[in-house]
């Protein structure tokens, strides 16, 4: 992969994670304020946030490996040797 593709993938992974967290917070606030079964939907929101947290951990390791690949690609483009 070239440098721009790696940067785009890193950006998309971050954007997806942020959008999921915002969506779950909005759902949780709406569910707690306007629902008849507030406790059940509150628990579902917490479960969703836990799943997003697990996805975030996976995303963090994936982004770390992509950043290493990005730095290797940048060194390769500049003509430095990769050790």
N, C-alpha and C. Protein backbone atom coordinates (compact mmCIF):
# COMPACT_ATOMS: atom_id res chain seq x y z
N UNK A 1 0.84 -1.18 0.00
CA UNK A 1 0.00 0.00 0.00
C UNK A 1 0.88 1.24 0.00
N UNK A 2 0.38 2.26 -0.64
CA UNK A 2 1.17 3.48 -0.63
C UNK A 2 0.75 4.36 0.55
N UNK A 3 1.43 5.48 0.68
CA UNK A 3 1.27 6.34 1.85
C UNK A 3 -0.14 6.91 1.98
N UNK A 4 -0.71 7.34 0.89
CA UNK A 4 -2.05 7.94 0.96
C UNK A 4 -3.12 6.91 1.32
N UNK A 5 -2.97 5.69 0.85
CA UNK A 5 -3.94 4.64 1.21
C UNK A 5 -3.88 4.31 2.69
N UNK A 6 -2.66 4.27 3.25
CA UNK A 6 -2.52 4.00 4.68
C UNK A 6 -3.13 5.12 5.51
N UNK A 7 -2.87 6.36 5.11
CA UNK A 7 -3.44 7.49 5.85
C UNK A 7 -4.97 7.49 5.77
N UNK A 8 -5.50 7.13 4.62
CA UNK A 8 -6.96 7.08 4.46
C UNK A 8 -7.57 5.99 5.33
N UNK A 9 -6.94 4.82 5.37
CA UNK A 9 -7.45 3.73 6.19
C UNK A 9 -7.40 4.09 7.67
N UNK A 10 -6.33 4.73 8.12
CA UNK A 10 -6.22 5.16 9.51
C UNK A 10 -7.32 6.16 9.84
N UNK A 11 -7.54 7.11 8.95
CA UNK A 11 -8.59 8.11 9.17
C UNK A 11 -9.97 7.46 9.23
N UNK A 12 -10.25 6.52 8.33
CA UNK A 12 -11.56 5.87 8.32
C UNK A 12 -11.79 5.04 9.58
N UNK A 13 -10.77 4.35 10.05
CA UNK A 13 -10.92 3.57 11.28
C UNK A 13 -11.23 4.49 12.47
N UNK A 14 -10.54 5.62 12.56
CA UNK A 14 -10.81 6.57 13.63
C UNK A 14 -12.21 7.16 13.50
N UNK A 15 -12.62 7.49 12.29
CA UNK A 15 -13.93 8.09 12.07
C UNK A 15 -15.06 7.12 12.42
N UNK A 16 -14.90 5.87 12.04
CA UNK A 16 -15.93 4.87 12.36
C UNK A 16 -16.06 4.70 13.86
N UNK A 17 -14.96 4.67 14.57
CA UNK A 17 -14.99 4.51 16.01
C UNK A 17 -15.68 5.69 16.68
N UNK A 18 -15.35 6.89 16.25
CA UNK A 18 -15.95 8.08 16.83
C UNK A 18 -17.44 8.14 16.53
N UNK A 19 -17.83 7.79 15.31
CA UNK A 19 -19.25 7.81 14.95
C UNK A 19 -20.05 6.78 15.75
N UNK A 20 -19.48 5.62 15.99
CA UNK A 20 -20.17 4.61 16.81
C UNK A 20 -20.38 5.09 18.24
N UNK A 21 -19.38 5.72 18.81
CA UNK A 21 -19.51 6.23 20.18
C UNK A 21 -20.56 7.33 20.24
N UNK A 22 -20.55 8.25 19.29
CA UNK A 22 -21.54 9.33 19.27
C UNK A 22 -22.95 8.76 19.09
N UNK A 23 -23.10 7.78 18.20
CA UNK A 23 -24.42 7.18 17.97
C UNK A 23 -24.94 6.50 19.22
N UNK A 24 -24.08 5.78 19.92
CA UNK A 24 -24.52 5.11 21.14
C UNK A 24 -24.86 6.09 22.25
N UNK A 25 -24.11 7.15 22.39
CA UNK A 25 -24.45 8.16 23.38
C UNK A 25 -25.80 8.81 23.06
N UNK A 26 -26.02 9.12 21.80
CA UNK A 26 -27.30 9.72 21.41
C UNK A 26 -28.45 8.75 21.66
N UNK A 27 -28.26 7.48 21.32
CA UNK A 27 -29.29 6.48 21.58
C UNK A 27 -29.55 6.35 23.07
N UNK A 28 -28.49 6.33 23.86
CA UNK A 28 -28.64 6.20 25.31
C UNK A 28 -29.38 7.37 25.93
N UNK A 29 -29.03 8.57 25.51
CA UNK A 29 -29.71 9.75 26.05
C UNK A 29 -31.18 9.75 25.64
N UNK A 30 -31.44 9.46 24.38
CA UNK A 30 -32.82 9.41 23.91
C UNK A 30 -33.60 8.31 24.63
N UNK A 31 -33.00 7.14 24.80
CA UNK A 31 -33.68 6.02 25.44
C UNK A 31 -33.98 6.31 26.89
N UNK A 32 -33.06 6.93 27.59
CA UNK A 32 -33.27 7.21 29.01
C UNK A 32 -34.30 8.32 29.21
N UNK A 33 -34.32 9.29 28.34
CA UNK A 33 -35.24 10.41 28.52
C UNK A 33 -36.67 10.09 28.06
N UNK A 34 -36.84 9.35 26.98
CA UNK A 34 -38.16 9.23 26.36
C UNK A 34 -38.72 7.82 26.31
N UNK A 35 -38.11 6.86 26.94
CA UNK A 35 -38.58 5.49 26.84
C UNK A 35 -39.42 5.10 28.05
N UNK A 36 -40.29 4.12 27.85
CA UNK A 36 -41.06 3.58 28.96
C UNK A 36 -40.23 2.59 29.76
N UNK A 37 -39.31 1.90 29.10
CA UNK A 37 -38.44 0.91 29.76
C UNK A 37 -37.02 1.46 29.80
N UNK A 38 -36.80 2.41 30.67
CA UNK A 38 -35.52 3.12 30.71
C UNK A 38 -34.37 2.22 31.15
N UNK A 39 -34.62 1.37 32.10
CA UNK A 39 -33.53 0.55 32.64
C UNK A 39 -33.04 -0.48 31.61
N UNK A 40 -33.95 -1.08 30.89
CA UNK A 40 -33.56 -2.08 29.89
C UNK A 40 -32.75 -1.43 28.78
N UNK A 41 -33.24 -0.31 28.27
CA UNK A 41 -32.51 0.36 27.20
C UNK A 41 -31.19 0.96 27.71
N UNK A 42 -31.14 1.35 28.97
CA UNK A 42 -29.88 1.81 29.55
C UNK A 42 -28.85 0.69 29.59
N UNK A 43 -29.30 -0.52 29.94
CA UNK A 43 -28.40 -1.67 29.96
C UNK A 43 -27.93 -2.00 28.54
N UNK A 44 -28.85 -1.95 27.57
CA UNK A 44 -28.45 -2.18 26.18
C UNK A 44 -27.42 -1.15 25.72
N UNK A 45 -27.59 0.08 26.14
CA UNK A 45 -26.63 1.12 25.78
C UNK A 45 -25.26 0.83 26.39
N UNK A 46 -25.25 0.40 27.64
CA UNK A 46 -23.97 0.07 28.27
C UNK A 46 -23.31 -1.13 27.60
N UNK A 47 -24.10 -2.11 27.22
CA UNK A 47 -23.55 -3.26 26.49
C UNK A 47 -22.97 -2.81 25.15
N UNK A 48 -23.68 -1.91 24.47
CA UNK A 48 -23.19 -1.37 23.20
C UNK A 48 -21.89 -0.60 23.38
N UNK A 49 -21.79 0.18 24.45
CA UNK A 49 -20.55 0.92 24.71
C UNK A 49 -19.41 -0.04 25.03
N UNK A 50 -19.70 -1.13 25.71
CA UNK A 50 -18.66 -2.13 25.96
C UNK A 50 -18.17 -2.75 24.66
N UNK A 51 -19.11 -3.05 23.76
CA UNK A 51 -18.71 -3.63 22.47
C UNK A 51 -17.89 -2.63 21.64
N UNK A 52 -18.27 -1.36 21.69
CA UNK A 52 -17.49 -0.34 20.98
C UNK A 52 -16.11 -0.21 21.61
N UNK A 53 -16.01 -0.37 22.93
CA UNK A 53 -14.72 -0.35 23.60
C UNK A 53 -13.83 -1.49 23.13
N UNK A 54 -14.41 -2.69 23.01
CA UNK A 54 -13.64 -3.83 22.51
C UNK A 54 -13.20 -3.59 21.08
N UNK A 55 -14.08 -3.03 20.26
CA UNK A 55 -13.72 -2.68 18.89
C UNK A 55 -12.61 -1.62 18.88
N UNK A 56 -12.67 -0.69 19.81
CA UNK A 56 -11.64 0.35 19.90
C UNK A 56 -10.28 -0.22 20.24
N UNK A 57 -10.24 -1.23 21.10
CA UNK A 57 -8.96 -1.88 21.42
C UNK A 57 -8.37 -2.56 20.19
N UNK A 58 -9.23 -3.25 19.44
CA UNK A 58 -8.77 -3.89 18.22
C UNK A 58 -8.29 -2.83 17.22
N UNK A 59 -9.05 -1.75 17.12
CA UNK A 59 -8.71 -0.67 16.21
C UNK A 59 -7.37 -0.04 16.57
N UNK A 60 -7.10 0.10 17.86
CA UNK A 60 -5.85 0.72 18.29
C UNK A 60 -4.64 -0.10 17.86
N UNK A 61 -4.74 -1.43 17.99
CA UNK A 61 -3.62 -2.27 17.56
C UNK A 61 -3.48 -2.25 16.04
N UNK A 62 -4.61 -2.24 15.34
CA UNK A 62 -4.58 -2.19 13.87
C UNK A 62 -3.96 -0.88 13.39
N UNK A 63 -4.32 0.23 14.02
CA UNK A 63 -3.77 1.53 13.63
C UNK A 63 -2.28 1.60 13.96
N UNK A 64 -1.87 1.00 15.07
CA UNK A 64 -0.45 1.00 15.42
C UNK A 64 0.37 0.27 14.35
N UNK A 65 -0.13 -0.86 13.88
CA UNK A 65 0.61 -1.57 12.83
C UNK A 65 0.59 -0.78 11.52
N UNK A 66 -0.51 -0.12 11.25
CA UNK A 66 -0.56 0.70 10.02
C UNK A 66 0.38 1.89 10.11
N UNK A 67 0.54 2.47 11.30
CA UNK A 67 1.47 3.60 11.44
C UNK A 67 2.91 3.15 11.26
N UNK A 68 3.24 1.94 11.70
CA UNK A 68 4.58 1.41 11.47
C UNK A 68 4.80 1.21 9.97
N UNK A 69 3.78 0.64 9.31
CA UNK A 69 3.88 0.48 7.85
C UNK A 69 4.01 1.83 7.16
N UNK A 70 3.30 2.84 7.67
CA UNK A 70 3.37 4.18 7.09
C UNK A 70 4.76 4.77 7.24
N UNK A 71 5.35 4.61 8.42
CA UNK A 71 6.70 5.15 8.61
C UNK A 71 7.72 4.41 7.74
N UNK A 72 7.54 3.09 7.56
CA UNK A 72 8.42 2.34 6.67
C UNK A 72 8.25 2.81 5.24
N UNK A 73 7.04 3.06 4.84
CA UNK A 73 6.77 3.53 3.47
C UNK A 73 7.38 4.91 3.25
N UNK A 74 7.28 5.78 4.26
CA UNK A 74 7.86 7.12 4.13
C UNK A 74 9.38 7.05 4.03
N UNK A 75 10.00 6.17 4.83
CA UNK A 75 11.46 6.01 4.74
C UNK A 75 11.86 5.44 3.38
N UNK A 76 11.05 4.52 2.88
CA UNK A 76 11.34 3.92 1.58
C UNK A 76 11.24 4.96 0.47
N UNK A 77 10.22 5.83 0.56
CA UNK A 77 10.05 6.88 -0.43
C UNK A 77 11.19 7.89 -0.41
N UNK A 78 11.75 8.13 0.77
CA UNK A 78 12.86 9.07 0.88
C UNK A 78 14.18 8.46 0.46
N UNK A 79 14.24 7.14 0.37
CA UNK A 79 15.45 6.47 -0.07
C UNK A 79 16.30 5.92 1.04
N UNK A 80 15.81 5.98 2.29
CA UNK A 80 16.55 5.41 3.41
C UNK A 80 16.37 3.90 3.41
N UNK A 81 17.35 3.24 4.00
CA UNK A 81 17.23 1.79 4.11
C UNK A 81 16.42 1.43 5.34
N UNK A 82 15.64 0.39 5.24
CA UNK A 82 14.82 -0.06 6.35
C UNK A 82 15.56 -1.19 7.04
N UNK A 83 15.79 -0.99 8.32
CA UNK A 83 16.52 -2.02 9.10
C UNK A 83 15.56 -2.89 9.83
